[in-house]
């Protein structure tokens, strides 16, 4: 989901970027923070599943809550592995202001995860609409990249073909 913050900015300066694809991600406008976007909607169901991590000023998803919060539609064993190898998130990610928004000038696509407990689906719909994304939905939790790889790949390929026409 935080990857959306990254691609939104990177796409403004890279001449070889022809479109953006958001998968249950954050779509900021210039100057917005993740906290500001999240505050527009009720908190996602998993908002209390974060715990302090081993690094300073970082959090991670509580491994005991990981499957329910992040990846409830994949195999529980695989989910436990993901919980064990997750990378901590620096708390500054929530307050860092976004730079210029590439979606202002590039075609964009958004795949809403309808059962997402990490990013409120209402927020996903709102961000996708605001950015003028071609929007589709999937009956999935946050880890739709893993639980629905064919559908995600199809969307990415469609976006690649359409954005280079």
N, C-alpha and C. Protein backbone atom coordinates (compact mmCIF):
# COMPACT_ATOMS: atom_id res chain seq x y z
N UNK A 1 0.82 -1.20 0.00
CA UNK A 1 0.00 0.00 0.00
C UNK A 1 0.86 1.26 0.00
N UNK A 2 1.97 1.24 0.75
CA UNK A 2 2.85 2.42 0.76
C UNK A 2 3.53 2.61 -0.58
N UNK A 3 3.63 1.55 -1.36
CA UNK A 3 4.23 1.66 -2.68
C UNK A 3 3.54 2.70 -3.54
N UNK A 4 2.26 2.94 -3.28
CA UNK A 4 1.55 3.97 -4.02
C UNK A 4 2.14 5.35 -3.78
N UNK A 5 2.59 5.61 -2.56
CA UNK A 5 3.24 6.88 -2.26
C UNK A 5 4.51 7.01 -3.11
N UNK A 6 5.23 5.91 -3.26
CA UNK A 6 6.49 5.92 -3.98
C UNK A 6 6.26 6.12 -5.48
N UNK A 7 5.39 5.30 -6.08
CA UNK A 7 5.23 5.41 -7.54
C UNK A 7 4.61 6.73 -7.95
N UNK A 8 3.80 7.32 -7.08
CA UNK A 8 3.19 8.61 -7.39
C UNK A 8 4.26 9.67 -7.63
N UNK A 9 5.31 9.64 -6.82
CA UNK A 9 6.38 10.61 -6.97
C UNK A 9 7.38 10.24 -8.04
N UNK A 10 7.75 8.99 -8.10
CA UNK A 10 8.77 8.55 -9.06
C UNK A 10 8.30 8.78 -10.49
N UNK A 11 7.02 8.57 -10.71
CA UNK A 11 6.49 8.71 -12.06
C UNK A 11 6.57 10.11 -12.63
N UNK A 12 6.83 11.12 -11.80
CA UNK A 12 6.89 12.49 -12.29
C UNK A 12 8.19 12.80 -13.00
N UNK A 13 9.25 12.09 -12.66
CA UNK A 13 10.57 12.40 -13.20
C UNK A 13 11.13 11.36 -14.17
N UNK A 14 10.52 10.21 -14.25
CA UNK A 14 11.07 9.14 -15.08
C UNK A 14 10.43 9.18 -16.47
N UNK A 15 11.21 9.48 -17.51
CA UNK A 15 10.63 9.60 -18.84
C UNK A 15 10.09 8.29 -19.41
N UNK A 16 10.53 7.17 -18.87
CA UNK A 16 10.06 5.88 -19.37
C UNK A 16 8.82 5.38 -18.65
N UNK A 17 8.29 6.13 -17.70
CA UNK A 17 7.05 5.75 -17.02
C UNK A 17 5.89 6.31 -17.84
N UNK A 18 5.01 5.41 -18.30
CA UNK A 18 3.90 5.84 -19.15
C UNK A 18 2.55 5.70 -18.47
N UNK A 19 2.50 5.09 -17.31
CA UNK A 19 1.26 4.92 -16.57
C UNK A 19 1.56 4.37 -15.20
N UNK A 20 0.56 4.41 -14.34
CA UNK A 20 0.70 3.96 -12.96
C UNK A 20 -0.36 2.92 -12.66
N UNK A 21 0.02 1.90 -11.89
CA UNK A 21 -0.93 0.87 -11.44
C UNK A 21 -0.85 0.79 -9.93
N UNK A 22 -1.97 1.02 -9.29
CA UNK A 22 -2.07 0.95 -7.84
C UNK A 22 -2.85 -0.31 -7.48
N UNK A 23 -2.28 -1.11 -6.58
CA UNK A 23 -2.93 -2.32 -6.09
C UNK A 23 -3.16 -2.12 -4.60
N UNK A 24 -4.37 -1.75 -4.21
CA UNK A 24 -4.71 -1.48 -2.81
C UNK A 24 -3.71 -0.50 -2.19
N UNK A 25 -3.29 0.48 -2.98
CA UNK A 25 -2.26 1.40 -2.54
C UNK A 25 -2.77 2.78 -2.23
N UNK A 26 -1.87 3.58 -1.71
CA UNK A 26 -2.17 4.96 -1.37
C UNK A 26 -1.86 5.84 -2.59
N UNK A 27 -2.78 6.74 -2.90
CA UNK A 27 -2.64 7.64 -4.05
C UNK A 27 -2.67 9.07 -3.51
N UNK A 28 -1.51 9.60 -3.13
CA UNK A 28 -1.51 10.94 -2.55
C UNK A 28 -1.52 12.04 -3.61
N UNK A 29 -1.98 13.19 -3.21
CA UNK A 29 -1.80 14.39 -4.00
C UNK A 29 -0.59 15.12 -3.41
N UNK A 30 -0.07 16.06 -4.14
CA UNK A 30 1.11 16.78 -3.68
C UNK A 30 0.85 17.43 -2.33
N UNK A 31 1.79 17.22 -1.40
CA UNK A 31 1.70 17.83 -0.07
C UNK A 31 0.95 17.01 0.96
N UNK A 32 0.29 15.93 0.53
CA UNK A 32 -0.47 15.10 1.47
C UNK A 32 0.43 14.09 2.18
N UNK A 33 0.00 13.72 3.37
CA UNK A 33 0.67 12.66 4.12
C UNK A 33 -0.26 11.45 4.21
N UNK A 34 0.32 10.33 4.53
CA UNK A 34 -0.47 9.12 4.71
C UNK A 34 -1.48 9.29 5.84
N UNK A 35 -1.09 9.94 6.90
CA UNK A 35 -1.99 10.18 8.03
C UNK A 35 -3.19 11.02 7.59
N UNK A 36 -2.95 12.05 6.79
CA UNK A 36 -4.05 12.90 6.32
C UNK A 36 -5.03 12.12 5.45
N UNK A 37 -4.51 11.29 4.57
CA UNK A 37 -5.39 10.49 3.70
C UNK A 37 -6.21 9.52 4.54
N UNK A 38 -5.53 8.82 5.46
CA UNK A 38 -6.22 7.84 6.30
C UNK A 38 -7.28 8.49 7.19
N UNK A 39 -7.07 9.74 7.59
CA UNK A 39 -8.00 10.42 8.49
C UNK A 39 -9.33 10.77 7.81
N UNK A 40 -9.40 10.70 6.52
CA UNK A 40 -10.63 11.03 5.79
C UNK A 40 -11.72 9.96 5.97
N UNK A 41 -11.31 8.76 6.40
CA UNK A 41 -12.23 7.63 6.48
C UNK A 41 -12.06 6.94 7.83
N UNK A 42 -13.04 6.15 8.22
CA UNK A 42 -12.85 5.37 9.45
C UNK A 42 -11.59 4.51 9.32
N UNK A 43 -10.92 4.27 10.42
CA UNK A 43 -9.69 3.47 10.35
C UNK A 43 -9.97 2.08 9.76
N UNK A 44 -8.98 1.58 9.05
CA UNK A 44 -9.08 0.20 8.56
C UNK A 44 -9.19 -0.72 9.77
N UNK A 45 -9.80 -1.86 9.56
CA UNK A 45 -10.05 -2.79 10.67
C UNK A 45 -8.79 -3.18 11.43
N UNK A 46 -7.65 -3.16 10.77
CA UNK A 46 -6.42 -3.64 11.40
C UNK A 46 -5.61 -2.53 12.06
N UNK A 47 -6.19 -1.35 12.22
CA UNK A 47 -5.39 -0.21 12.66
C UNK A 47 -4.66 -0.44 13.98
N UNK A 48 -5.09 -1.37 14.80
CA UNK A 48 -4.40 -1.62 16.06
C UNK A 48 -3.47 -2.83 15.99
N UNK A 49 -3.20 -3.34 14.80
CA UNK A 49 -2.35 -4.53 14.69
C UNK A 49 -0.87 -4.20 14.59
N UNK A 50 -0.52 -2.92 14.52
CA UNK A 50 0.89 -2.54 14.47
C UNK A 50 1.52 -2.58 15.84
N UNK A 51 2.76 -3.04 15.88
CA UNK A 51 3.52 -3.08 17.13
C UNK A 51 4.93 -2.53 16.88
N UNK A 52 5.59 -2.03 17.92
CA UNK A 52 6.97 -1.56 17.74
C UNK A 52 7.84 -2.68 17.19
N UNK A 53 8.75 -2.30 16.31
CA UNK A 53 9.64 -3.27 15.70
C UNK A 53 11.03 -3.18 16.34
N UNK A 54 11.94 -3.98 15.83
CA UNK A 54 13.29 -4.03 16.40
C UNK A 54 14.11 -2.79 16.10
N UNK A 55 13.76 -2.05 15.06
CA UNK A 55 14.51 -0.85 14.72
C UNK A 55 13.91 0.36 15.40
N UNK A 56 14.70 1.36 15.60
CA UNK A 56 14.18 2.58 16.20
C UNK A 56 13.16 3.25 15.29
N UNK A 57 12.11 3.78 15.87
CA UNK A 57 11.07 4.51 15.16
C UNK A 57 10.41 3.69 14.04
N UNK A 58 10.29 2.38 14.26
CA UNK A 58 9.65 1.52 13.25
C UNK A 58 8.56 0.66 13.88
N UNK A 59 7.62 0.24 13.03
CA UNK A 59 6.58 -0.68 13.46
C UNK A 59 6.48 -1.83 12.46
N UNK A 60 5.80 -2.87 12.88
CA UNK A 60 5.48 -3.98 11.98
C UNK A 60 4.09 -4.47 12.37
N UNK A 61 3.57 -5.35 11.56
CA UNK A 61 2.27 -5.95 11.88
C UNK A 61 2.51 -7.06 12.89
N UNK A 62 1.77 -7.06 13.95
CA UNK A 62 1.89 -8.11 14.96
C UNK A 62 1.79 -9.47 14.26
N UNK A 63 2.82 -10.32 14.37
CA UNK A 63 2.77 -11.62 13.70
C UNK A 63 1.54 -12.45 14.05
N UNK A 64 1.03 -12.28 15.28
CA UNK A 64 -0.17 -13.03 15.68
C UNK A 64 -1.43 -12.53 14.96
N UNK A 65 -1.40 -11.30 14.48
CA UNK A 65 -2.55 -10.73 13.77
C UNK A 65 -2.34 -10.67 12.26
N UNK A 66 -1.16 -11.02 11.81
CA UNK A 66 -0.78 -10.81 10.41
C UNK A 66 -1.75 -11.47 9.43
N UNK A 67 -2.06 -12.74 9.66
CA UNK A 67 -2.93 -13.44 8.71
C UNK A 67 -4.29 -12.74 8.63
N UNK A 68 -4.90 -12.46 9.75
CA UNK A 68 -6.20 -11.80 9.76
C UNK A 68 -6.11 -10.40 9.14
N UNK A 69 -5.10 -9.64 9.49
CA UNK A 69 -5.01 -8.23 9.09
C UNK A 69 -4.55 -8.04 7.65
N UNK A 70 -3.64 -8.87 7.19
CA UNK A 70 -2.95 -8.60 5.93
C UNK A 70 -3.23 -9.61 4.82
N UNK A 71 -3.33 -10.87 5.17
CA UNK A 71 -3.31 -11.90 4.12
C UNK A 71 -4.27 -13.04 4.41
N UNK A 72 -5.49 -12.73 4.79
CA UNK A 72 -6.43 -13.76 5.20
C UNK A 72 -6.92 -14.64 4.06
N UNK A 73 -6.66 -14.26 2.82
CA UNK A 73 -7.11 -15.11 1.72
C UNK A 73 -5.98 -15.88 1.04
N UNK A 74 -4.88 -16.06 1.77
CA UNK A 74 -3.83 -16.97 1.30
C UNK A 74 -3.65 -18.07 2.35
N UNK A 75 -2.90 -19.07 1.98
CA UNK A 75 -2.65 -20.20 2.87
C UNK A 75 -2.05 -19.70 4.19
N UNK A 76 -2.59 -20.13 5.33
CA UNK A 76 -2.09 -19.66 6.63
C UNK A 76 -0.60 -19.94 6.86
N UNK A 77 -0.10 -21.03 6.33
CA UNK A 77 1.33 -21.32 6.49
C UNK A 77 2.16 -20.28 5.75
N UNK A 78 1.76 -19.97 4.53
CA UNK A 78 2.46 -18.95 3.76
C UNK A 78 2.34 -17.59 4.45
N UNK A 79 1.20 -17.33 5.02
CA UNK A 79 0.99 -16.09 5.74
C UNK A 79 1.93 -15.98 6.95
N UNK A 80 2.13 -17.08 7.65
CA UNK A 80 3.06 -17.06 8.79
C UNK A 80 4.49 -16.77 8.33
N UNK A 81 4.86 -17.29 7.18
CA UNK A 81 6.19 -16.99 6.63
C UNK A 81 6.29 -15.50 6.31
N UNK A 82 5.28 -14.94 5.68
CA UNK A 82 5.28 -13.51 5.38
C UNK A 82 5.37 -12.68 6.66
N UNK A 83 4.68 -13.10 7.68
CA UNK A 83 4.73 -12.38 8.96
C UNK A 83 6.15 -12.41 9.53
N UNK A 84 6.81 -13.55 9.39
CA UNK A 84 8.16 -13.70 9.94
C UNK A 84 9.20 -12.88 9.19
N UNK A 85 9.00 -12.67 7.90
CA UNK A 85 10.01 -11.97 7.11
C UNK A 85 9.63 -10.53 6.77
N UNK A 86 8.51 -10.05 7.32
CA UNK A 86 8.09 -8.69 7.00
C UNK A 86 9.16 -7.67 7.40
N UNK A 87 9.25 -6.63 6.62
CA UNK A 87 10.20 -5.55 6.90
C UNK A 87 9.48 -4.48 7.73
N UNK A 88 10.16 -3.93 8.71
CA UNK A 88 9.51 -2.89 9.51
C UNK A 88 9.29 -1.62 8.70
N UNK A 89 8.30 -0.86 9.11
CA UNK A 89 7.97 0.41 8.46
C UNK A 89 8.42 1.55 9.36
N UNK A 90 9.15 2.48 8.78
CA UNK A 90 9.58 3.65 9.53
C UNK A 90 8.37 4.55 9.77
N UNK A 91 8.21 5.01 10.97
CA UNK A 91 7.07 5.84 11.33
C UNK A 91 7.02 7.15 10.53
N UNK A 92 8.17 7.61 10.03
CA UNK A 92 8.20 8.82 9.23
C UNK A 92 7.40 8.67 7.93
N UNK A 93 7.18 7.43 7.48
CA UNK A 93 6.37 7.21 6.28
C UNK A 93 4.96 7.76 6.42
N UNK A 94 4.47 7.85 7.63
CA UNK A 94 3.11 8.31 7.86
C UNK A 94 2.98 9.83 7.85
N UNK A 95 4.10 10.53 8.05
CA UNK A 95 4.06 11.99 8.14
C UNK A 95 4.82 12.70 7.02
N UNK A 96 5.51 11.96 6.20
CA UNK A 96 6.25 12.55 5.08
C UNK A 96 5.27 13.06 4.02
N UNK A 97 5.45 14.30 3.60
CA UNK A 97 4.57 14.88 2.58
C UNK A 97 4.96 14.37 1.20
N UNK A 98 3.94 14.08 0.41
CA UNK A 98 4.16 13.61 -0.95
C UNK A 98 4.63 14.77 -1.83
N UNK A 99 5.47 14.43 -2.77
CA UNK A 99 5.89 15.40 -3.77
C UNK A 99 4.85 15.49 -4.88
N UNK A 100 5.25 16.01 -6.03
CA UNK A 100 4.32 16.11 -7.16
C UNK A 100 3.69 14.76 -7.50
N UNK A 101 2.45 14.81 -7.95
CA UNK A 101 1.68 13.60 -8.21
C UNK A 101 1.69 13.25 -9.69
N UNK A 102 2.29 12.12 -10.03
CA UNK A 102 2.38 11.70 -11.43
C UNK A 102 1.01 11.39 -12.02
N UNK A 103 0.06 11.01 -11.18
CA UNK A 103 -1.26 10.70 -11.72
C UNK A 103 -1.95 11.93 -12.30
N UNK A 104 -1.43 13.11 -12.00
CA UNK A 104 -1.98 14.33 -12.58
C UNK A 104 -1.77 14.36 -14.10
N UNK A 105 -0.72 13.66 -14.59
CA UNK A 105 -0.42 13.73 -16.02
C UNK A 105 -0.30 12.36 -16.69
N UNK A 106 -0.36 11.28 -15.92
CA UNK A 106 -0.23 9.94 -16.50
C UNK A 106 -1.52 9.15 -16.34
N UNK A 107 -1.85 8.29 -17.30
CA UNK A 107 -3.00 7.41 -17.09
C UNK A 107 -2.70 6.47 -15.92
N UNK A 108 -3.75 6.17 -15.15
CA UNK A 108 -3.56 5.36 -13.95
C UNK A 108 -4.67 4.34 -13.80
N UNK A 109 -4.34 3.23 -13.17
CA UNK A 109 -5.27 2.14 -12.91
C UNK A 109 -5.22 1.83 -11.43
N UNK A 110 -6.34 1.38 -10.90
CA UNK A 110 -6.41 1.04 -9.47
C UNK A 110 -7.21 -0.25 -9.31
N UNK A 111 -6.65 -1.18 -8.55
CA UNK A 111 -7.35 -2.41 -8.19
C UNK A 111 -7.70 -2.33 -6.71
N UNK A 112 -8.98 -2.17 -6.42
CA UNK A 112 -9.48 -2.07 -5.04
C UNK A 112 -9.62 -3.47 -4.47
N UNK A 113 -9.04 -3.68 -3.30
CA UNK A 113 -9.23 -4.93 -2.56
C UNK A 113 -10.43 -4.74 -1.65
N UNK A 114 -11.56 -5.35 -2.02
CA UNK A 114 -12.82 -5.10 -1.33
C UNK A 114 -12.86 -5.56 0.12
N UNK A 115 -12.02 -6.52 0.50
CA UNK A 115 -12.02 -7.04 1.87
C UNK A 115 -10.76 -6.63 2.63
N UNK A 116 -10.16 -5.54 2.20
CA UNK A 116 -8.90 -5.07 2.77
C UNK A 116 -9.09 -4.60 4.20
N UNK A 117 -8.23 -5.07 5.09
CA UNK A 117 -8.26 -4.64 6.49
C UNK A 117 -7.09 -3.70 6.81
N UNK A 118 -6.21 -3.47 5.83
CA UNK A 118 -5.07 -2.57 6.02
C UNK A 118 -5.37 -1.16 5.52
N UNK A 119 -6.01 -1.08 4.36
CA UNK A 119 -6.37 0.20 3.75
C UNK A 119 -7.88 0.16 3.53
N UNK A 120 -8.59 1.05 4.18
CA UNK A 120 -10.05 1.08 4.09
C UNK A 120 -10.48 1.06 2.62
N UNK A 121 -11.30 0.09 2.20
CA UNK A 121 -11.74 0.06 0.80
C UNK A 121 -12.45 1.34 0.35
N UNK A 122 -13.18 2.01 1.25
CA UNK A 122 -13.80 3.29 0.88
C UNK A 122 -12.74 4.32 0.52
N UNK A 123 -11.64 4.30 1.25
CA UNK A 123 -10.52 5.19 0.94
C UNK A 123 -9.92 4.83 -0.42
N UNK A 124 -9.81 3.54 -0.71
CA UNK A 124 -9.28 3.12 -2.00
C UNK A 124 -10.14 3.64 -3.14
N UNK A 125 -11.46 3.47 -3.02
CA UNK A 125 -12.37 3.97 -4.06
C UNK A 125 -12.23 5.48 -4.22
N UNK A 126 -12.17 6.20 -3.11
CA UNK A 126 -12.06 7.65 -3.16
C UNK A 126 -10.78 8.09 -3.84
N UNK A 127 -9.65 7.49 -3.45
CA UNK A 127 -8.36 7.86 -4.06
C UNK A 127 -8.36 7.57 -5.56
N UNK A 128 -8.89 6.40 -5.93
CA UNK A 128 -8.93 6.01 -7.35
C UNK A 128 -9.78 6.99 -8.16
N UNK A 129 -10.92 7.38 -7.60
CA UNK A 129 -11.80 8.31 -8.31
C UNK A 129 -11.13 9.68 -8.43
N UNK A 130 -10.55 10.16 -7.35
CA UNK A 130 -9.92 11.48 -7.36
C UNK A 130 -8.80 11.54 -8.40
N UNK A 131 -8.06 10.45 -8.54
CA UNK A 131 -6.94 10.41 -9.47
C UNK A 131 -7.38 10.08 -10.90
N UNK A 132 -8.66 9.83 -11.09
CA UNK A 132 -9.14 9.51 -12.43
C UNK A 132 -8.68 8.15 -12.93
N UNK A 133 -8.45 7.23 -12.00
CA UNK A 133 -7.97 5.91 -12.36
C UNK A 133 -9.06 5.08 -13.04
N UNK A 134 -8.63 4.23 -13.95
CA UNK A 134 -9.50 3.16 -14.42
C UNK A 134 -9.53 2.18 -13.27
N UNK A 135 -10.71 1.95 -12.71
CA UNK A 135 -10.81 1.22 -11.45
C UNK A 135 -11.50 -0.12 -11.64
N UNK A 136 -10.94 -1.14 -11.01
CA UNK A 136 -11.58 -2.44 -10.94
C UNK A 136 -11.47 -2.93 -9.49
N UNK A 137 -12.24 -3.94 -9.18
CA UNK A 137 -12.26 -4.46 -7.82
C UNK A 137 -11.97 -5.95 -7.82
N UNK A 138 -11.54 -6.41 -6.65
CA UNK A 138 -11.29 -7.82 -6.47
C UNK A 138 -11.73 -8.20 -5.06
N UNK A 139 -12.36 -9.35 -4.93
CA UNK A 139 -12.80 -9.82 -3.61
C UNK A 139 -11.59 -10.41 -2.90
N UNK A 140 -10.83 -9.55 -2.26
CA UNK A 140 -9.58 -9.96 -1.66
C UNK A 140 -9.25 -9.09 -0.46
N UNK A 141 -8.37 -9.62 0.38
CA UNK A 141 -7.77 -8.83 1.43
C UNK A 141 -6.63 -8.01 0.84
N UNK A 142 -5.80 -7.47 1.71
CA UNK A 142 -4.74 -6.57 1.27
C UNK A 142 -3.70 -7.25 0.37
N UNK A 143 -3.46 -8.51 0.58
CA UNK A 143 -2.40 -9.22 -0.16
C UNK A 143 -2.90 -9.77 -1.50
N UNK A 144 -3.67 -8.99 -2.22
CA UNK A 144 -4.22 -9.46 -3.50
C UNK A 144 -3.13 -9.77 -4.52
N UNK A 145 -1.98 -9.14 -4.38
CA UNK A 145 -0.85 -9.47 -5.26
C UNK A 145 -0.49 -10.95 -5.16
N UNK A 146 -0.66 -11.51 -3.98
CA UNK A 146 -0.31 -12.91 -3.75
C UNK A 146 -1.51 -13.82 -3.99
N UNK A 147 -2.66 -13.42 -3.50
CA UNK A 147 -3.83 -14.30 -3.58
C UNK A 147 -4.49 -14.33 -4.96
N UNK A 148 -4.26 -13.30 -5.76
CA UNK A 148 -4.86 -13.22 -7.09
C UNK A 148 -3.82 -12.79 -8.12
N UNK A 149 -2.74 -13.53 -8.27
CA UNK A 149 -1.66 -13.08 -9.15
C UNK A 149 -2.07 -12.95 -10.62
N UNK A 150 -2.94 -13.82 -11.10
CA UNK A 150 -3.34 -13.74 -12.52
C UNK A 150 -4.12 -12.45 -12.80
N UNK A 151 -5.04 -12.12 -11.91
CA UNK A 151 -5.83 -10.91 -12.09
C UNK A 151 -4.96 -9.66 -12.01
N UNK A 152 -4.02 -9.66 -11.07
CA UNK A 152 -3.12 -8.52 -10.92
C UNK A 152 -2.23 -8.40 -12.15
N UNK A 153 -1.67 -9.51 -12.60
CA UNK A 153 -0.82 -9.49 -13.80
C UNK A 153 -1.61 -9.00 -15.02
N UNK A 154 -2.85 -9.46 -15.14
CA UNK A 154 -3.69 -9.04 -16.26
C UNK A 154 -3.89 -7.53 -16.24
N UNK A 155 -4.15 -6.96 -15.07
CA UNK A 155 -4.33 -5.51 -14.96
C UNK A 155 -3.05 -4.78 -15.35
N UNK A 156 -1.91 -5.25 -14.87
CA UNK A 156 -0.64 -4.60 -15.18
C UNK A 156 -0.36 -4.66 -16.68
N UNK A 157 -0.59 -5.81 -17.28
CA UNK A 157 -0.37 -5.94 -18.73
C UNK A 157 -1.32 -5.05 -19.52
N UNK A 158 -2.57 -5.00 -19.10
CA UNK A 158 -3.55 -4.12 -19.75
C UNK A 158 -3.09 -2.67 -19.66
N UNK A 159 -2.67 -2.25 -18.49
CA UNK A 159 -2.20 -0.87 -18.29
C UNK A 159 -0.98 -0.60 -19.16
N UNK A 160 -0.06 -1.54 -19.22
CA UNK A 160 1.15 -1.36 -20.03
C UNK A 160 0.79 -1.18 -21.50
N UNK A 161 -0.11 -2.00 -21.99
CA UNK A 161 -0.52 -1.90 -23.39
C UNK A 161 -1.26 -0.60 -23.66
N UNK A 162 -2.19 -0.24 -22.80
CA UNK A 162 -3.00 0.96 -23.02
C UNK A 162 -2.20 2.26 -22.85
N UNK A 163 -1.24 2.25 -21.93
CA UNK A 163 -0.50 3.51 -21.67
C UNK A 163 0.57 3.78 -22.70
N UNK A 164 0.87 2.81 -23.55
CA UNK A 164 1.90 3.04 -24.57
C UNK A 164 1.29 3.22 -25.96
N UNK A 165 -0.03 3.31 -26.04
CA UNK A 165 -0.68 3.51 -27.35
C UNK A 165 -0.43 4.90 -27.86
